[in-house]
Amino acid sequence: MLLGSIVFIYILWRKAIDREQKQKEENLIFRYETIKGQVNPHFLFNSLNTLSSLVRTQPEIAEQYINKLASVYRYILENIQKNEVPLQSEIDFINDYFSLQKIRDGEKIIIDIQINNINDCLVLPISLQVLIENALKHNMATHEKPLMISLYYEKGYIVVKNNLQKMANLSSSSGIGLKNLQERLLFTTNKTMIVNETGDEFIVKLPIIAVNENTNC
């Protein structure tokens, strides 16, 4: 019986170690993919091309663009190693990130953030950006038919919703961004996202993390 108990305890310990190692690996994959997604040549090309045009035609706006771009990268570098960040910090980051899109695309993309009373509530870093980037990547946006993205609170979740305007020539997506975020949520918080696609909308519900059990998020 003693030997059996020792073996059983060892098996439980080994499984705990394996789970911890797998979580570390998933976190590393998520961080790598996030950083790679932000500094890929396409993103940099668009940003630098926009900046080059602004410097010649609108130098005042060019300075704002540089500041927002620096703020976006600073946030990523400062928080990519963290498991959670204040929800307000993530929303501020989203506003900076969207400012870059708005300068480049004007009214082709519209974002509406309706989130209040979010003190002491946390989310995974870069998580909302992943969801917004997913909407931008898979949908068309024109002045006649703008892409509408809404963020709002709903019973312990931040909902990110966009109208569906799928690109006709979009190749089959691997969905790695959503998959990595889903896996990191599961390992870090033991919670999962809710993803739903209707006939005309794509909706993702991202769980909020409470600072403590007395916090109402």
Protein backbone atom coordinates (compact mmCIF):
# COMPACT_ATOMS: atom_id res chain seq x y z
CA MET A 1 0.00 0.00 0.00
CA LEU A 2 2.85 2.37 0.85
CA LEU A 3 4.50 1.71 -2.50
CA GLY A 4 1.20 2.21 -4.29
CA SER A 5 0.65 5.53 -2.52
CA ILE A 6 4.12 6.73 -3.45
CA VAL A 7 3.57 5.81 -7.09
CA PHE A 8 0.18 7.56 -7.11
CA ILE A 9 1.65 10.73 -5.57
CA TYR A 10 4.50 10.63 -8.10
CA ILE A 11 2.04 10.34 -10.98
CA LEU A 12 0.05 13.35 -9.71
CA TRP A 13 3.25 15.34 -9.26
CA ARG A 14 4.45 14.40 -12.74
CA LYS A 15 1.14 15.47 -14.28
CA ALA A 16 1.30 18.81 -12.46
CA ILE A 17 4.84 19.39 -13.76
CA ASP A 18 3.76 18.47 -17.29
CA ARG A 19 0.80 20.87 -17.14
CA GLU A 20 3.03 23.69 -15.92
CA GLN A 21 5.55 23.02 -18.67
CA LYS A 22 2.84 22.95 -21.30
CA GLN A 23 1.48 26.27 -20.03
CA LYS A 24 4.93 27.82 -20.30
CA GLU A 25 5.26 26.53 -23.85
CA GLU A 26 1.82 27.88 -24.81
CA ASN A 27 2.67 31.26 -23.32
CA LEU A 28 5.91 31.39 -25.30
CA ILE A 29 4.07 30.50 -28.50
CA PHE A 30 1.45 33.19 -27.84
CA ARG A 31 4.13 35.83 -27.17
CA TYR A 32 6.08 34.87 -30.26
CA GLU A 33 3.02 34.97 -32.49
CA THR A 34 1.88 38.29 -31.00
CA ILE A 35 5.23 39.98 -31.50
CA LYS A 36 5.59 38.45 -34.97
CA GLY A 37 2.14 39.72 -35.89
CA GLN A 38 2.99 43.24 -34.82
CA VAL A 39 6.39 43.54 -36.48
CA ASN A 40 5.74 41.59 -39.67
CA PRO A 41 6.89 43.32 -42.89
CA HIS A 42 3.31 44.01 -44.01
CA PHE A 43 2.46 45.90 -40.81
CA LEU A 44 5.73 47.85 -40.86
CA PHE A 45 5.39 48.60 -44.57
CA ASN A 46 1.91 50.04 -44.12
CA SER A 47 2.96 52.08 -41.09
CA LEU A 48 6.11 53.47 -42.68
CA ASN A 49 4.37 54.15 -45.99
CA THR A 50 1.65 56.10 -44.17
CA LEU A 51 4.23 57.96 -42.14
CA SER A 52 6.25 58.87 -45.24
CA SER A 53 3.17 60.34 -46.88
CA LEU A 54 2.21 62.30 -43.76
CA VAL A 55 5.67 63.77 -43.34
CA ARG A 56 5.41 65.34 -46.79
CA THR A 57 1.80 66.48 -46.63
CA GLN A 58 0.74 66.76 -42.97
CA PRO A 59 3.77 67.04 -40.67
CA GLU A 60 1.66 67.80 -37.58
CA ILE A 61 -0.33 64.60 -38.01
CA ALA A 62 2.91 62.73 -38.80
CA GLU A 63 4.18 63.62 -35.32
CA GLN A 64 0.96 62.29 -33.77
CA TYR A 65 1.33 59.11 -35.81
CA ILE A 66 4.89 58.57 -34.58
CA ASN A 67 3.80 59.05 -30.97
CA LYS A 68 0.92 56.57 -31.33
CA LEU A 69 3.13 54.03 -33.07
CA ALA A 70 5.74 54.31 -30.33
CA SER A 71 3.03 53.96 -27.68
CA VAL A 72 1.69 50.77 -29.32
CA TYR A 73 5.10 49.11 -29.41
CA ARG A 74 5.96 50.28 -25.90
CA TYR A 75 2.78 48.69 -24.54
CA ILE A 76 3.52 45.39 -26.28
CA LEU A 77 7.11 45.24 -25.05
CA GLU A 78 6.18 46.20 -21.48
CA ASN A 79 3.27 43.77 -21.13
CA ILE A 80 3.89 40.77 -23.37
CA GLN A 81 5.54 38.86 -20.49
CA LYS A 82 2.61 39.45 -18.13
CA ASN A 83 -0.33 37.13 -17.57
CA GLU A 84 -2.81 39.94 -16.99
CA VAL A 85 -3.15 43.72 -17.24
CA PRO A 86 -5.78 46.23 -16.08
CA LEU A 87 -8.70 46.34 -18.48
CA GLN A 88 -8.41 50.12 -18.70
CA SER A 89 -4.77 49.83 -19.83
CA GLU A 90 -5.79 47.42 -22.58
CA ILE A 91 -8.54 49.77 -23.72
CA ASP A 92 -6.09 52.71 -23.80
CA PHE A 93 -3.80 50.54 -25.92
CA ILE A 94 -6.67 49.71 -28.26
CA ASN A 95 -7.43 53.42 -28.68
CA ASP A 96 -3.80 54.07 -29.65
CA TYR A 97 -3.77 51.10 -32.01
CA PHE A 98 -7.03 52.16 -33.63
CA SER A 99 -5.73 55.72 -34.04
CA LEU A 100 -3.10 54.35 -36.43
CA GLN A 101 -5.79 52.57 -38.43
CA LYS A 102 -8.00 55.65 -38.53
CA ILE A 103 -5.21 57.92 -39.79
CA ARG A 104 -4.54 55.44 -42.59
CA ASP A 105 -8.09 54.37 -43.46
CA GLY A 106 -10.23 57.31 -42.34
CA GLU A 107 -13.90 56.42 -41.93
CA LYS A 108 -13.56 52.98 -43.52
CA ILE A 109 -13.31 51.50 -40.03
CA ILE A 110 -15.43 52.61 -37.08
CA ILE A 111 -14.92 51.42 -33.53
CA ASP A 112 -17.37 51.98 -30.70
CA ILE A 113 -16.18 51.28 -27.14
CA GLN A 114 -18.91 51.28 -24.49
CA ILE A 115 -17.18 50.04 -21.34
CA ASN A 116 -17.56 51.83 -18.00
CA ASN A 117 -16.95 51.08 -14.30
CA ILE A 118 -14.06 48.70 -14.96
CA ASN A 119 -11.89 49.35 -11.91
CA ASP A 120 -10.05 46.28 -10.57
CA CYS A 121 -10.86 44.22 -13.66
CA LEU A 122 -8.13 42.49 -15.66
CA VAL A 123 -7.66 40.86 -19.07
CA LEU A 124 -4.86 39.07 -20.85
CA PRO A 125 -2.45 41.56 -22.44
CA ILE A 126 -2.87 42.18 -26.17
CA SER A 127 -6.07 40.08 -26.13
CA LEU A 128 -8.46 42.77 -27.36
CA GLN A 129 -5.99 43.77 -30.08
CA VAL A 130 -5.91 40.17 -31.33
CA LEU A 131 -9.71 40.22 -31.68
CA ILE A 132 -9.76 43.59 -33.45
CA GLU A 133 -6.91 42.55 -35.75
CA ASN A 134 -8.89 39.42 -36.58
CA ALA A 135 -11.84 41.57 -37.70
CA LEU A 136 -9.58 43.83 -39.79
CA LYS A 137 -7.82 40.89 -41.41
CA HIS A 138 -10.92 39.02 -42.56
CA ASN A 139 -13.30 41.78 -43.62
CA MET A 140 -13.55 44.42 -46.32
CA ALA A 141 -13.84 48.08 -45.32
CA THR A 142 -14.87 50.92 -47.63
CA HIS A 143 -16.32 54.38 -47.19
CA GLU A 144 -19.63 53.09 -48.57
CA LYS A 145 -19.58 49.98 -46.38
CA PRO A 146 -17.44 50.66 -43.31
CA LEU A 147 -16.33 47.90 -40.97
CA MET A 148 -18.12 48.45 -37.66
CA ILE A 149 -16.43 47.10 -34.52
CA SER A 150 -18.15 47.32 -31.13
CA LEU A 151 -16.70 46.63 -27.68
CA TYR A 152 -19.00 46.42 -24.65
CA TYR A 153 -19.44 44.67 -21.30
CA GLU A 154 -21.79 41.72 -20.82
CA LYS A 155 -21.95 39.66 -17.61
CA GLY A 156 -18.28 39.02 -16.95
CA TYR A 157 -17.19 39.30 -20.58
CA ILE A 158 -15.92 41.96 -22.93
CA VAL A 159 -17.76 41.47 -26.20
CA VAL A 160 -16.02 42.30 -29.48
CA LYS A 161 -18.50 42.34 -32.34
CA ASN A 162 -18.15 43.28 -35.99
CA ASN A 163 -20.37 43.21 -39.05
CA LEU A 164 -19.43 40.50 -41.54
CA GLN A 165 -18.04 41.75 -44.85
CA LYS A 166 -15.81 38.82 -45.73
CA MET A 167 -13.15 39.33 -48.36
CA ALA A 168 -14.08 37.38 -51.48
CA ASN A 169 -10.49 36.39 -52.26
CA LEU A 170 -9.46 35.59 -48.68
CA SER A 171 -7.58 32.31 -48.53
CA SER A 172 -8.46 29.74 -45.89
CA SER A 173 -7.38 31.07 -42.50
CA SER A 174 -5.47 28.97 -40.00
CA GLY A 175 -7.18 30.82 -37.14
CA ILE A 176 -3.91 30.72 -35.20
CA GLY A 177 -4.53 34.09 -33.54
CA LEU A 178 -7.83 33.06 -31.97
CA LYS A 179 -6.52 29.57 -31.23
CA ASN A 180 -3.46 30.88 -29.37
CA LEU A 181 -5.59 33.33 -27.40
CA GLN A 182 -8.10 30.61 -26.52
CA GLU A 183 -5.37 28.26 -25.31
CA ARG A 184 -3.62 30.93 -23.28
CA LEU A 185 -6.90 31.89 -21.64
CA LEU A 186 -7.55 28.30 -20.69
CA PHE A 187 -4.12 27.72 -19.19
CA THR A 188 -3.83 31.11 -17.47
CA THR A 189 -7.37 31.62 -16.17
CA ASN A 190 -9.15 28.28 -16.72
CA LYS A 191 -11.73 30.24 -18.73
CA THR A 192 -12.61 30.13 -22.41
CA MET A 193 -13.80 32.58 -25.03
CA ILE A 194 -17.21 32.31 -26.61
CA VAL A 195 -17.11 32.62 -30.40
CA ASN A 196 -20.25 32.93 -32.49
CA GLU A 197 -20.83 33.77 -36.14
CA THR A 198 -24.30 34.71 -37.33
CA GLY A 199 -25.42 35.55 -40.82
CA ASP A 200 -24.19 39.12 -40.60
CA GLU A 201 -22.05 39.39 -37.43
CA PHE A 202 -18.95 37.87 -35.87
CA ILE A 203 -19.01 37.93 -32.06
CA VAL A 204 -16.32 37.01 -29.54
CA LYS A 205 -16.82 37.17 -25.77
CA LEU A 206 -13.57 37.54 -23.83
CA PRO A 207 -13.75 36.65 -20.12
CA ILE A 208 -12.69 39.30 -17.62
CA ILE A 209 -10.42 38.43 -14.68
CA ALA A 210 -11.36 39.85 -11.28
CA VAL A 211 -8.55 41.16 -9.05
CA ASN A 212 -10.05 39.24 -6.14
CA GLU A 213 -13.24 37.39 -5.26
CA ASN A 214 -14.83 40.57 -3.91
CA THR A 215 -14.43 42.37 -7.23
CA ASN A 216 -17.51 42.53 -9.42
CA CYS A 217 -16.34 42.26 -13.02
